[in-house]
Amino acid sequence: MSYGGGAAAGGAAAAAAAAVAEAVKASGAIVRVSPADFCTIVNRAEKPLVVFSKSKFFRTAYHYLTGYKGFVFYTRSSGRLLFKSGIEMVKAQKIWIPS
């Protein structure tokens, strides 16, 4: 039995890898920080915007992104983070961070 898709499958895998590499380049620097450090950064910002999502794979996790001084900061937490009032929050369906 012959499948004959070896070269095509290899080409598809290479194209997928290239697409991921381009996505990483386009997203710029994403800095992973602890939840406590994330809250500190958000509280330092003048008009903070926090994008968040909730995921349930094996257990519930909350993902957060914010921009500060030209960097994008990301954290993951097992519980919701509490922020001071006046912070703009945007709920995303999903947050994907390249690893």
N, C-alpha and C. Protein backbone atom coordinates (compact mmCIF):
# COMPACT_ATOMS: atom_id res chain seq x y z
N MET A 1 0.85 -1.17 0.00
CA MET A 1 0.00 0.00 0.00
C MET A 1 0.89 1.23 0.00
N SER A 2 0.65 2.16 -0.91
CA SER A 2 1.45 3.37 -1.01
C SER A 2 0.56 4.58 -0.85
N TYR A 3 1.03 5.51 -0.03
CA TYR A 3 0.25 6.73 0.19
C TYR A 3 0.71 7.85 -0.73
N GLY A 4 1.95 7.85 -1.12
CA GLY A 4 2.46 8.80 -2.11
C GLY A 4 2.39 10.26 -1.71
N GLY A 5 2.15 10.59 -0.45
CA GLY A 5 2.02 11.99 -0.05
C GLY A 5 3.20 12.48 0.74
N GLY A 6 4.32 11.75 0.72
CA GLY A 6 5.47 12.12 1.54
C GLY A 6 5.97 13.53 1.28
N ALA A 7 6.23 13.85 0.03
CA ALA A 7 6.76 15.17 -0.30
C ALA A 7 5.72 16.25 -0.04
N ALA A 8 4.48 15.97 -0.40
CA ALA A 8 3.41 16.95 -0.18
C ALA A 8 3.18 17.19 1.30
N ALA A 9 3.20 16.12 2.10
CA ALA A 9 3.00 16.27 3.54
C ALA A 9 4.16 17.05 4.15
N GLY A 10 5.38 16.78 3.70
CA GLY A 10 6.53 17.52 4.19
C GLY A 10 6.44 18.99 3.83
N GLY A 11 5.97 19.27 2.62
CA GLY A 11 5.80 20.67 2.19
C GLY A 11 4.74 21.38 3.01
N ALA A 12 3.65 20.66 3.32
CA ALA A 12 2.59 21.26 4.14
C ALA A 12 3.09 21.55 5.55
N ALA A 13 3.90 20.65 6.10
CA ALA A 13 4.45 20.87 7.45
C ALA A 13 5.40 22.06 7.44
N ALA A 14 6.18 22.19 6.40
CA ALA A 14 7.10 23.33 6.30
C ALA A 14 6.32 24.64 6.17
N ALA A 15 5.23 24.62 5.40
CA ALA A 15 4.41 25.81 5.26
C ALA A 15 3.76 26.20 6.58
N ALA A 16 3.30 25.20 7.33
CA ALA A 16 2.70 25.48 8.63
C ALA A 16 3.73 26.06 9.59
N ALA A 17 4.94 25.53 9.58
CA ALA A 17 6.02 26.05 10.44
C ALA A 17 6.36 27.48 10.06
N ALA A 18 6.38 27.77 8.77
CA ALA A 18 6.67 29.13 8.31
C ALA A 18 5.56 30.10 8.75
N ALA A 19 4.31 29.65 8.70
CA ALA A 19 3.19 30.50 9.13
C ALA A 19 3.29 30.82 10.61
N VAL A 20 3.67 29.85 11.41
CA VAL A 20 3.84 30.08 12.85
C VAL A 20 4.98 31.07 13.08
N ALA A 21 6.09 30.90 12.36
CA ALA A 21 7.23 31.81 12.51
C ALA A 21 6.83 33.24 12.14
N GLU A 22 6.04 33.40 11.09
CA GLU A 22 5.58 34.74 10.70
C GLU A 22 4.65 35.33 11.76
N ALA A 23 3.80 34.52 12.36
CA ALA A 23 2.91 35.00 13.42
C ALA A 23 3.72 35.49 14.61
N VAL A 24 4.77 34.78 14.95
CA VAL A 24 5.63 35.19 16.06
C VAL A 24 6.30 36.51 15.74
N LYS A 25 6.80 36.67 14.53
CA LYS A 25 7.44 37.93 14.12
C LYS A 25 6.44 39.08 14.17
N ALA A 26 5.22 38.84 13.71
CA ALA A 26 4.21 39.89 13.65
C ALA A 26 3.75 40.32 15.03
N SER A 27 3.78 39.41 15.98
CA SER A 27 3.27 39.75 17.31
C SER A 27 4.25 40.56 18.13
N GLY A 28 5.52 40.59 17.74
CA GLY A 28 6.52 41.34 18.50
C GLY A 28 6.87 40.62 19.79
N ALA A 29 7.44 41.37 20.71
CA ALA A 29 7.87 40.79 21.98
C ALA A 29 6.70 40.65 22.94
N ILE A 30 6.52 39.46 23.44
CA ILE A 30 5.51 39.21 24.46
C ILE A 30 6.26 38.76 25.70
N VAL A 31 6.06 39.48 26.79
CA VAL A 31 6.79 39.23 28.01
C VAL A 31 5.88 38.50 28.99
N ARG A 32 6.28 37.30 29.39
CA ARG A 32 5.52 36.54 30.38
C ARG A 32 5.95 36.98 31.77
N VAL A 33 4.98 37.29 32.61
CA VAL A 33 5.25 37.70 33.99
C VAL A 33 4.32 36.95 34.94
N SER A 34 4.62 37.02 36.20
CA SER A 34 3.76 36.40 37.21
C SER A 34 2.47 37.20 37.32
N PRO A 35 1.40 36.59 37.83
CA PRO A 35 0.15 37.34 38.02
C PRO A 35 0.34 38.58 38.90
N ALA A 36 1.16 38.49 39.95
CA ALA A 36 1.38 39.65 40.83
C ALA A 36 2.09 40.77 40.07
N ASP A 37 3.10 40.43 39.27
CA ASP A 37 3.79 41.44 38.48
C ASP A 37 2.88 42.04 37.42
N PHE A 38 2.00 41.23 36.85
CA PHE A 38 1.05 41.72 35.86
C PHE A 38 0.15 42.79 36.48
N CYS A 39 -0.37 42.51 37.67
CA CYS A 39 -1.23 43.48 38.36
C CYS A 39 -0.47 44.78 38.65
N THR A 40 0.79 44.67 39.04
CA THR A 40 1.62 45.85 39.29
C THR A 40 1.77 46.68 38.02
N ILE A 41 2.02 46.02 36.90
CA ILE A 41 2.17 46.72 35.62
C ILE A 41 0.87 47.41 35.23
N VAL A 42 -0.24 46.73 35.37
CA VAL A 42 -1.55 47.32 35.02
C VAL A 42 -1.82 48.53 35.89
N ASN A 43 -1.50 48.45 37.16
CA ASN A 43 -1.75 49.57 38.07
C ASN A 43 -0.84 50.76 37.79
N ARG A 44 0.30 50.55 37.14
CA ARG A 44 1.21 51.65 36.78
C ARG A 44 0.72 52.42 35.56
N ALA A 45 -0.02 51.76 34.69
CA ALA A 45 -0.44 52.37 33.43
C ALA A 45 -1.46 53.48 33.68
N GLU A 46 -1.40 54.52 32.82
CA GLU A 46 -2.30 55.66 32.97
C GLU A 46 -3.74 55.31 32.62
N LYS A 47 -3.96 54.69 31.47
CA LYS A 47 -5.30 54.26 31.03
C LYS A 47 -5.19 52.82 30.57
N PRO A 48 -5.11 51.88 31.49
CA PRO A 48 -4.83 50.49 31.09
C PRO A 48 -6.00 49.81 30.37
N LEU A 49 -5.62 48.95 29.44
CA LEU A 49 -6.56 48.08 28.74
C LEU A 49 -6.06 46.66 28.97
N VAL A 50 -6.92 45.80 29.47
CA VAL A 50 -6.58 44.41 29.72
C VAL A 50 -7.47 43.52 28.87
N VAL A 51 -6.86 42.65 28.08
CA VAL A 51 -7.59 41.65 27.30
C VAL A 51 -7.47 40.35 28.06
N PHE A 52 -8.59 39.66 28.23
CA PHE A 52 -8.55 38.42 29.01
C PHE A 52 -9.42 37.36 28.36
N SER A 53 -9.11 36.11 28.69
CA SER A 53 -9.93 34.98 28.25
C SER A 53 -9.88 33.90 29.32
N LYS A 54 -10.85 33.03 29.25
CA LYS A 54 -10.93 31.91 30.19
C LYS A 54 -10.86 30.63 29.37
N SER A 55 -10.01 29.70 29.81
CA SER A 55 -9.91 28.42 29.10
C SER A 55 -10.15 27.28 30.07
N LYS A 56 -10.64 26.19 29.54
CA LYS A 56 -10.88 24.98 30.33
C LYS A 56 -10.33 23.80 29.55
N PHE A 57 -9.09 23.45 29.81
CA PHE A 57 -8.52 22.26 29.15
C PHE A 57 -8.59 21.12 30.16
N PHE A 58 -7.68 21.05 31.06
CA PHE A 58 -7.79 20.10 32.16
C PHE A 58 -8.35 20.79 33.39
N ARG A 59 -8.01 22.06 33.53
CA ARG A 59 -8.54 22.88 34.62
C ARG A 59 -8.71 24.30 34.11
N THR A 60 -9.47 25.07 34.82
CA THR A 60 -9.74 26.44 34.40
C THR A 60 -8.49 27.30 34.55
N ALA A 61 -8.25 28.11 33.53
CA ALA A 61 -7.14 29.06 33.56
C ALA A 61 -7.62 30.38 32.95
N TYR A 62 -7.11 31.46 33.48
CA TYR A 62 -7.41 32.80 32.97
C TYR A 62 -6.13 33.35 32.34
N HIS A 63 -6.27 33.93 31.16
CA HIS A 63 -5.14 34.48 30.41
C HIS A 63 -5.36 35.98 30.28
N TYR A 64 -4.29 36.74 30.47
CA TYR A 64 -4.38 38.21 30.45
C TYR A 64 -3.26 38.79 29.60
N LEU A 65 -3.60 39.86 28.87
CA LEU A 65 -2.63 40.63 28.08
C LEU A 65 -2.84 42.11 28.35
N THR A 66 -1.75 42.86 28.39
CA THR A 66 -1.83 44.32 28.44
C THR A 66 -0.59 44.89 27.79
N GLY A 67 -0.69 46.11 27.31
CA GLY A 67 0.46 46.80 26.73
C GLY A 67 0.95 47.86 27.70
N TYR A 68 2.28 47.99 27.79
CA TYR A 68 2.86 49.01 28.67
C TYR A 68 4.24 49.37 28.14
N LYS A 69 4.44 50.65 27.85
CA LYS A 69 5.72 51.18 27.37
C LYS A 69 6.27 50.41 26.18
N GLY A 70 5.38 50.05 25.25
CA GLY A 70 5.81 49.40 24.02
C GLY A 70 5.95 47.89 24.08
N PHE A 71 5.72 47.31 25.23
CA PHE A 71 5.79 45.85 25.37
C PHE A 71 4.40 45.29 25.62
N VAL A 72 4.21 44.04 25.24
CA VAL A 72 2.97 43.33 25.55
C VAL A 72 3.29 42.36 26.68
N PHE A 73 2.54 42.46 27.77
CA PHE A 73 2.74 41.60 28.92
C PHE A 73 1.62 40.57 29.00
N TYR A 74 1.99 39.35 29.33
CA TYR A 74 1.07 38.23 29.39
C TYR A 74 1.22 37.51 30.73
N THR A 75 0.11 37.06 31.27
CA THR A 75 0.15 36.17 32.42
C THR A 75 -0.98 35.18 32.34
N ARG A 76 -0.81 34.11 33.08
CA ARG A 76 -1.82 33.05 33.18
C ARG A 76 -2.04 32.81 34.66
N SER A 77 -3.30 32.64 35.04
CA SER A 77 -3.63 32.47 36.45
C SER A 77 -4.72 31.42 36.60
N SER A 78 -4.70 30.71 37.72
CA SER A 78 -5.74 29.72 37.96
C SER A 78 -7.03 30.38 38.48
N GLY A 79 -6.93 31.61 38.92
CA GLY A 79 -8.10 32.35 39.39
C GLY A 79 -8.16 33.71 38.73
N ARG A 80 -9.29 34.37 38.88
CA ARG A 80 -9.44 35.71 38.30
C ARG A 80 -8.54 36.69 39.04
N LEU A 81 -7.96 37.60 38.28
CA LEU A 81 -7.16 38.66 38.88
C LEU A 81 -8.07 39.83 39.21
N LEU A 82 -7.81 40.49 40.31
CA LEU A 82 -8.60 41.64 40.73
C LEU A 82 -7.82 42.91 40.41
N PHE A 83 -8.50 43.85 39.76
CA PHE A 83 -7.89 45.12 39.38
C PHE A 83 -8.67 46.26 40.01
N LYS A 84 -8.00 47.40 40.12
CA LYS A 84 -8.69 48.59 40.63
C LYS A 84 -9.75 49.02 39.62
N SER A 85 -10.68 49.83 40.04
CA SER A 85 -11.73 50.28 39.13
C SER A 85 -11.14 51.24 38.10
N GLY A 86 -11.82 51.37 36.98
CA GLY A 86 -11.40 52.27 35.93
C GLY A 86 -10.52 51.62 34.87
N ILE A 87 -10.29 50.32 34.98
CA ILE A 87 -9.48 49.62 33.99
C ILE A 87 -10.42 49.06 32.92
N GLU A 88 -10.11 49.36 31.67
CA GLU A 88 -10.91 48.86 30.56
C GLU A 88 -10.59 47.39 30.33
N MET A 89 -11.61 46.56 30.34
CA MET A 89 -11.45 45.11 30.17
C MET A 89 -12.12 44.69 28.87
N VAL A 90 -11.45 43.84 28.11
CA VAL A 90 -12.00 43.29 26.88
C VAL A 90 -11.91 41.78 26.97
N LYS A 91 -13.06 41.11 26.81
CA LYS A 91 -13.07 39.65 26.86
C LYS A 91 -12.84 39.09 25.46
N ALA A 92 -11.84 38.23 25.35
CA ALA A 92 -11.52 37.57 24.08
C ALA A 92 -12.02 36.14 24.13
N GLN A 93 -12.35 35.58 22.98
CA GLN A 93 -12.74 34.18 22.95
C GLN A 93 -11.57 33.29 23.32
N LYS A 94 -10.37 33.67 22.85
CA LYS A 94 -9.18 32.87 23.10
C LYS A 94 -7.96 33.76 22.97
N ILE A 95 -6.96 33.51 23.79
CA ILE A 95 -5.67 34.17 23.66
C ILE A 95 -4.65 33.09 23.36
N TRP A 96 -3.94 33.25 22.26
CA TRP A 96 -2.90 32.30 21.86
C TRP A 96 -1.57 33.00 21.92
N ILE A 97 -0.63 32.44 22.65
CA ILE A 97 0.71 32.99 22.78
C ILE A 97 1.69 31.96 22.22
N PRO A 98 2.55 32.35 21.29
CA PRO A 98 3.53 31.40 20.78
C PRO A 98 4.47 30.94 21.88
N SER A 99 4.85 29.68 21.85
CA SER A 99 5.75 29.20 22.91
C SER A 99 7.18 29.08 22.41
